[in-house]
N, C-alpha and C. Protein backbone atom coordinates (compact mmCIF):
# COMPACT_ATOMS: atom_id res chain seq x y z
N UNK A 1 34.44 0.04 31.76
CA UNK A 1 33.15 -0.35 32.27
C UNK A 1 32.07 0.68 31.94
N UNK A 2 32.49 1.94 32.04
CA UNK A 2 31.58 3.02 31.73
C UNK A 2 31.15 2.96 30.26
N UNK A 3 32.08 2.63 29.40
CA UNK A 3 31.79 2.51 27.97
C UNK A 3 30.79 1.39 27.71
N UNK A 4 30.91 0.31 28.44
CA UNK A 4 30.00 -0.81 28.27
C UNK A 4 28.58 -0.41 28.64
N UNK A 5 28.43 0.34 29.74
CA UNK A 5 27.11 0.82 30.13
C UNK A 5 26.53 1.78 29.08
N UNK A 6 27.39 2.64 28.56
CA UNK A 6 26.95 3.58 27.54
C UNK A 6 26.48 2.85 26.28
N UNK A 7 27.26 1.86 25.85
CA UNK A 7 26.87 1.07 24.68
C UNK A 7 25.57 0.30 24.94
N UNK A 8 25.41 -0.24 26.13
CA UNK A 8 24.17 -0.96 26.48
C UNK A 8 22.99 0.00 26.45
N UNK A 9 23.17 1.20 26.95
CA UNK A 9 22.10 2.20 26.95
C UNK A 9 21.73 2.59 25.52
N UNK A 10 22.71 2.78 24.67
CA UNK A 10 22.45 3.11 23.27
C UNK A 10 21.72 1.97 22.57
N UNK A 11 22.17 0.75 22.81
CA UNK A 11 21.53 -0.42 22.21
C UNK A 11 20.07 -0.53 22.63
N UNK A 12 19.80 -0.34 23.91
CA UNK A 12 18.42 -0.41 24.41
C UNK A 12 17.59 0.71 23.80
N UNK A 13 18.18 1.89 23.66
CA UNK A 13 17.47 3.00 23.02
C UNK A 13 17.08 2.69 21.59
N UNK A 14 18.00 2.12 20.81
CA UNK A 14 17.68 1.73 19.44
C UNK A 14 16.62 0.64 19.41
N UNK A 15 16.71 -0.30 20.31
CA UNK A 15 15.74 -1.38 20.37
C UNK A 15 14.35 -0.85 20.66
N UNK A 16 14.22 0.04 21.63
CA UNK A 16 12.92 0.60 21.97
C UNK A 16 12.37 1.50 20.87
N UNK A 17 13.24 2.26 20.22
CA UNK A 17 12.75 3.11 19.14
C UNK A 17 12.33 2.28 17.94
N UNK A 18 12.95 1.14 17.75
CA UNK A 18 12.55 0.23 16.67
C UNK A 18 11.17 -0.32 16.90
N UNK A 19 10.80 -0.52 18.15
CA UNK A 19 9.46 -1.01 18.48
C UNK A 19 8.42 0.07 18.29
N UNK A 20 8.82 1.33 18.28
CA UNK A 20 7.87 2.43 18.21
C UNK A 20 7.68 2.95 16.79
N UNK A 21 8.36 2.37 15.82
CA UNK A 21 8.20 2.87 14.46
C UNK A 21 6.81 2.57 13.94
N UNK A 22 6.21 3.48 13.18
CA UNK A 22 4.86 3.24 12.68
C UNK A 22 4.85 2.14 11.64
N UNK A 23 3.78 1.40 11.61
CA UNK A 23 3.60 0.35 10.63
C UNK A 23 2.59 0.82 9.60
N UNK A 24 2.27 -0.04 8.66
CA UNK A 24 1.26 0.28 7.66
C UNK A 24 -0.07 0.53 8.37
N UNK A 25 -1.00 1.13 7.64
CA UNK A 25 -2.29 1.47 8.22
C UNK A 25 -2.99 0.24 8.81
N UNK A 26 -2.76 -0.89 8.22
CA UNK A 26 -3.36 -2.12 8.70
C UNK A 26 -2.46 -3.30 8.36
N UNK A 27 -2.55 -4.34 9.13
CA UNK A 27 -1.76 -5.53 8.86
C UNK A 27 -2.48 -6.50 7.93
N UNK A 28 -3.76 -6.28 7.73
CA UNK A 28 -4.54 -7.13 6.84
C UNK A 28 -5.13 -6.28 5.74
N UNK A 29 -5.25 -6.84 4.54
CA UNK A 29 -5.86 -6.05 3.46
C UNK A 29 -7.32 -5.74 3.78
N UNK A 30 -7.75 -4.58 3.36
CA UNK A 30 -9.13 -4.17 3.61
C UNK A 30 -10.09 -4.75 2.60
N UNK A 31 -9.59 -5.19 1.47
CA UNK A 31 -10.43 -5.71 0.40
C UNK A 31 -9.76 -6.91 -0.25
N UNK A 32 -10.49 -7.56 -1.12
CA UNK A 32 -9.95 -8.66 -1.90
C UNK A 32 -9.16 -8.07 -3.07
N UNK A 33 -7.92 -8.49 -3.30
CA UNK A 33 -7.14 -7.94 -4.41
C UNK A 33 -7.81 -8.10 -5.78
N UNK A 34 -8.59 -9.15 -5.95
CA UNK A 34 -9.27 -9.35 -7.24
C UNK A 34 -10.34 -8.29 -7.51
N UNK A 35 -10.80 -7.60 -6.46
CA UNK A 35 -11.84 -6.59 -6.64
C UNK A 35 -11.28 -5.24 -7.07
N UNK A 36 -9.97 -5.08 -7.06
CA UNK A 36 -9.34 -3.80 -7.44
C UNK A 36 -9.17 -3.78 -8.96
N UNK A 37 -9.71 -2.74 -9.59
CA UNK A 37 -9.62 -2.59 -11.04
C UNK A 37 -8.39 -1.77 -11.41
N UNK A 38 -7.81 -2.11 -12.56
CA UNK A 38 -6.71 -1.31 -13.11
C UNK A 38 -7.22 -0.66 -14.37
N UNK A 39 -7.25 0.68 -14.39
CA UNK A 39 -7.86 1.44 -15.49
C UNK A 39 -6.94 2.56 -15.95
N UNK A 40 -7.19 3.02 -17.17
CA UNK A 40 -6.45 4.18 -17.67
C UNK A 40 -6.91 5.46 -16.97
N UNK A 41 -8.21 5.60 -16.83
CA UNK A 41 -8.81 6.78 -16.20
C UNK A 41 -9.88 6.34 -15.22
N UNK A 42 -10.15 7.11 -14.16
CA UNK A 42 -11.22 6.75 -13.23
C UNK A 42 -12.59 6.89 -13.87
N UNK A 43 -13.57 6.18 -13.31
CA UNK A 43 -14.94 6.32 -13.78
C UNK A 43 -15.43 7.73 -13.50
N UNK A 44 -16.56 8.08 -14.10
CA UNK A 44 -17.14 9.41 -13.90
C UNK A 44 -17.93 9.46 -12.60
N UNK A 45 -17.28 9.14 -11.50
CA UNK A 45 -17.88 9.22 -10.17
C UNK A 45 -16.88 9.93 -9.26
N UNK A 46 -17.38 10.55 -8.20
CA UNK A 46 -16.46 11.20 -7.26
C UNK A 46 -15.55 10.17 -6.58
N UNK A 47 -14.30 10.54 -6.39
CA UNK A 47 -13.35 9.64 -5.76
C UNK A 47 -12.32 10.42 -4.96
N UNK A 48 -11.59 9.70 -4.10
CA UNK A 48 -10.49 10.26 -3.33
C UNK A 48 -9.21 9.52 -3.70
N UNK A 49 -8.12 10.25 -3.78
CA UNK A 49 -6.81 9.64 -4.04
C UNK A 49 -6.23 9.19 -2.70
N UNK A 50 -5.86 7.91 -2.63
CA UNK A 50 -5.28 7.35 -1.39
C UNK A 50 -3.76 7.36 -1.41
N UNK A 51 -3.18 7.27 -2.58
CA UNK A 51 -1.72 7.24 -2.66
C UNK A 51 -1.26 6.69 -3.98
N UNK A 52 -0.01 6.29 -4.04
CA UNK A 52 0.60 5.77 -5.25
C UNK A 52 1.12 4.37 -5.01
N UNK A 53 0.81 3.47 -5.93
CA UNK A 53 1.38 2.12 -5.90
C UNK A 53 2.59 2.12 -6.81
N UNK A 54 3.73 1.70 -6.30
CA UNK A 54 4.97 1.68 -7.06
C UNK A 54 5.57 0.29 -7.00
N UNK A 55 5.98 -0.21 -8.16
CA UNK A 55 6.53 -1.56 -8.24
C UNK A 55 7.59 -1.59 -9.33
N UNK A 56 8.67 -2.29 -9.08
CA UNK A 56 9.73 -2.42 -10.06
C UNK A 56 9.36 -3.46 -11.11
N UNK A 57 9.82 -3.26 -12.34
CA UNK A 57 9.60 -4.24 -13.39
C UNK A 57 10.44 -5.49 -13.18
N UNK A 58 11.46 -5.38 -12.34
CA UNK A 58 12.39 -6.49 -12.12
C UNK A 58 12.35 -6.90 -10.66
N UNK A 59 12.45 -8.20 -10.41
CA UNK A 59 12.50 -8.67 -9.03
C UNK A 59 13.90 -8.49 -8.47
N UNK A 60 14.13 -8.92 -7.23
CA UNK A 60 15.43 -8.72 -6.58
C UNK A 60 16.55 -9.46 -7.28
N UNK A 61 16.23 -10.54 -7.99
CA UNK A 61 17.25 -11.30 -8.71
C UNK A 61 17.55 -10.69 -10.08
N UNK A 62 16.83 -9.63 -10.45
CA UNK A 62 17.07 -8.97 -11.73
C UNK A 62 16.31 -9.57 -12.90
N UNK A 63 15.36 -10.44 -12.59
CA UNK A 63 14.55 -11.06 -13.64
C UNK A 63 13.30 -10.22 -13.86
N UNK A 64 12.98 -9.97 -15.12
CA UNK A 64 11.84 -9.13 -15.44
C UNK A 64 10.54 -9.83 -15.05
N UNK A 65 9.67 -9.08 -14.39
CA UNK A 65 8.37 -9.63 -13.98
C UNK A 65 7.41 -9.62 -15.16
N UNK A 66 6.50 -10.59 -15.15
CA UNK A 66 5.45 -10.62 -16.17
C UNK A 66 4.40 -9.58 -15.82
N UNK A 67 3.66 -9.13 -16.82
CA UNK A 67 2.65 -8.10 -16.63
C UNK A 67 1.60 -8.53 -15.60
N UNK A 68 1.18 -9.79 -15.64
CA UNK A 68 0.18 -10.28 -14.68
C UNK A 68 0.72 -10.21 -13.25
N UNK A 69 1.99 -10.50 -13.06
CA UNK A 69 2.61 -10.43 -11.74
C UNK A 69 2.67 -8.99 -11.25
N UNK A 70 2.97 -8.06 -12.14
CA UNK A 70 3.01 -6.64 -11.79
C UNK A 70 1.62 -6.16 -11.38
N UNK A 71 0.60 -6.55 -12.14
CA UNK A 71 -0.77 -6.15 -11.82
C UNK A 71 -1.20 -6.73 -10.47
N UNK A 72 -0.87 -7.99 -10.22
CA UNK A 72 -1.21 -8.61 -8.93
C UNK A 72 -0.54 -7.87 -7.77
N UNK A 73 0.72 -7.51 -7.95
CA UNK A 73 1.44 -6.78 -6.90
C UNK A 73 0.83 -5.41 -6.65
N UNK A 74 0.45 -4.72 -7.71
CA UNK A 74 -0.16 -3.39 -7.55
C UNK A 74 -1.54 -3.51 -6.90
N UNK A 75 -2.29 -4.54 -7.26
CA UNK A 75 -3.60 -4.76 -6.63
C UNK A 75 -3.44 -5.02 -5.13
N UNK A 76 -2.42 -5.78 -4.77
CA UNK A 76 -2.18 -6.07 -3.36
C UNK A 76 -1.85 -4.80 -2.59
N UNK A 77 -1.02 -3.95 -3.17
CA UNK A 77 -0.70 -2.66 -2.54
C UNK A 77 -1.97 -1.84 -2.34
N UNK A 78 -2.81 -1.80 -3.37
CA UNK A 78 -4.05 -1.02 -3.30
C UNK A 78 -5.00 -1.55 -2.24
N UNK A 79 -5.05 -2.88 -2.05
CA UNK A 79 -5.96 -3.43 -1.04
C UNK A 79 -5.53 -3.04 0.36
N UNK A 80 -4.23 -2.95 0.61
CA UNK A 80 -3.77 -2.53 1.92
C UNK A 80 -4.10 -1.06 2.19
N UNK A 81 -4.24 -0.27 1.14
CA UNK A 81 -4.63 1.13 1.29
C UNK A 81 -6.15 1.29 1.32
N UNK A 82 -6.89 0.23 0.95
CA UNK A 82 -8.35 0.29 0.91
C UNK A 82 -8.88 0.83 -0.40
N UNK A 83 -8.11 0.72 -1.47
CA UNK A 83 -8.50 1.29 -2.76
C UNK A 83 -9.47 0.44 -3.55
N UNK A 84 -10.23 1.12 -4.42
CA UNK A 84 -11.16 0.46 -5.34
C UNK A 84 -10.53 0.24 -6.70
N UNK A 85 -9.60 1.12 -7.07
CA UNK A 85 -9.01 1.04 -8.41
C UNK A 85 -7.62 1.66 -8.43
N UNK A 86 -6.87 1.28 -9.45
CA UNK A 86 -5.57 1.89 -9.73
C UNK A 86 -5.70 2.53 -11.11
N UNK A 87 -5.43 3.82 -11.19
CA UNK A 87 -5.58 4.56 -12.44
C UNK A 87 -4.26 5.21 -12.83
N UNK A 88 -4.20 5.63 -14.07
CA UNK A 88 -3.03 6.33 -14.60
C UNK A 88 -1.74 5.55 -14.36
N UNK A 89 -1.75 4.29 -14.76
CA UNK A 89 -0.57 3.44 -14.61
C UNK A 89 0.46 3.86 -15.65
N UNK A 90 1.70 4.12 -15.19
CA UNK A 90 2.76 4.58 -16.08
C UNK A 90 4.03 3.81 -15.81
N UNK A 91 4.88 3.76 -16.82
CA UNK A 91 6.17 3.09 -16.71
C UNK A 91 7.26 4.11 -17.00
N UNK A 92 8.25 4.18 -16.10
CA UNK A 92 9.37 5.08 -16.32
C UNK A 92 10.60 4.50 -15.63
N UNK A 93 11.65 4.32 -16.36
CA UNK A 93 12.92 3.83 -15.83
C UNK A 93 12.77 2.54 -15.01
N UNK A 94 12.11 1.56 -15.60
CA UNK A 94 11.91 0.24 -14.98
C UNK A 94 11.02 0.25 -13.75
N UNK A 95 10.32 1.35 -13.52
CA UNK A 95 9.42 1.47 -12.37
C UNK A 95 8.00 1.69 -12.89
N UNK A 96 7.06 0.92 -12.35
CA UNK A 96 5.65 1.07 -12.70
C UNK A 96 4.97 1.80 -11.55
N UNK A 97 4.24 2.86 -11.84
CA UNK A 97 3.50 3.59 -10.81
C UNK A 97 2.04 3.72 -11.24
N UNK A 98 1.17 3.79 -10.25
CA UNK A 98 -0.25 3.99 -10.50
C UNK A 98 -0.87 4.68 -9.30
N UNK A 99 -1.91 5.44 -9.55
CA UNK A 99 -2.60 6.17 -8.49
C UNK A 99 -3.72 5.30 -7.92
N UNK A 100 -3.70 5.10 -6.61
CA UNK A 100 -4.72 4.30 -5.93
C UNK A 100 -5.85 5.23 -5.51
N UNK A 101 -7.08 4.88 -5.91
CA UNK A 101 -8.24 5.71 -5.58
C UNK A 101 -9.31 4.87 -4.90
N UNK A 102 -10.19 5.56 -4.19
CA UNK A 102 -11.38 4.94 -3.62
C UNK A 102 -12.56 5.83 -4.01
N UNK A 103 -13.63 5.21 -4.48
CA UNK A 103 -14.81 5.96 -4.87
C UNK A 103 -15.60 6.38 -3.63
N UNK A 104 -16.23 7.55 -3.68
CA UNK A 104 -16.94 8.08 -2.52
C UNK A 104 -18.08 7.18 -2.09
N UNK A 105 -18.80 6.58 -3.02
CA UNK A 105 -19.90 5.70 -2.63
C UNK A 105 -19.38 4.49 -1.86
N UNK A 106 -18.17 4.04 -2.17
CA UNK A 106 -17.56 2.93 -1.45
C UNK A 106 -17.21 3.34 -0.02
N UNK A 107 -16.75 4.57 0.15
CA UNK A 107 -16.41 5.08 1.49
C UNK A 107 -17.67 5.13 2.34
N UNK A 108 -18.77 5.61 1.77
CA UNK A 108 -20.03 5.70 2.52
C UNK A 108 -20.53 4.31 2.91
N UNK A 109 -20.43 3.35 2.01
CA UNK A 109 -20.87 1.98 2.32
C UNK A 109 -20.04 1.41 3.47
N UNK A 110 -18.73 1.62 3.45
CA UNK A 110 -17.86 1.12 4.52
C UNK A 110 -18.19 1.76 5.86
N UNK A 111 -18.49 3.06 5.85
CA UNK A 111 -18.84 3.74 7.10
C UNK A 111 -20.16 3.21 7.66
N UNK A 112 -21.16 3.01 6.79
CA UNK A 112 -22.44 2.47 7.24
C UNK A 112 -22.27 1.06 7.79
N UNK A 113 -21.46 0.25 7.12
CA UNK A 113 -21.21 -1.11 7.56
C UNK A 113 -20.56 -1.14 8.93
N UNK A 114 -19.60 -0.23 9.17
CA UNK A 114 -18.93 -0.18 10.46
C UNK A 114 -19.87 0.29 11.55
N UNK A 115 -20.78 1.23 11.25
CA UNK A 115 -21.73 1.71 12.23
C UNK A 115 -22.72 0.62 12.61
N UNK A 116 -23.12 -0.20 11.65
CA UNK A 116 -24.06 -1.28 11.93
C UNK A 116 -23.44 -2.36 12.79
N UNK A 117 -22.13 -2.58 12.66
CA UNK A 117 -21.46 -3.60 13.45
C UNK A 117 -21.27 -3.17 14.90
N UNK A 118 -21.22 -1.85 15.17
CA UNK A 118 -20.99 -1.44 16.55
C UNK A 118 -22.26 -1.22 17.33
């Protein structure tokens, strides 16, 4: 009986810690995926690096993705981070990576827009 209580306590602990795990920065994309540009190099404007978008060339079934599908997936990742562009896209060992950036003028516009709404 004591073991049953111990197991129940452990199970409840795992359940509660699962509810406390952090999620993505937002549950909705901050921008439209079509507005995210994919470029070799960033424009000559100040920008901030938000992170890296990583996507496999192959889906879970092992079928190679088309280039348009890869770009759409990377754009979607960038929108959840709030990015304006994906730069320095590279391929290595069936993995595509790109750096997600946001331009400083875009950050200022978003801040002004949020201040006007409040």
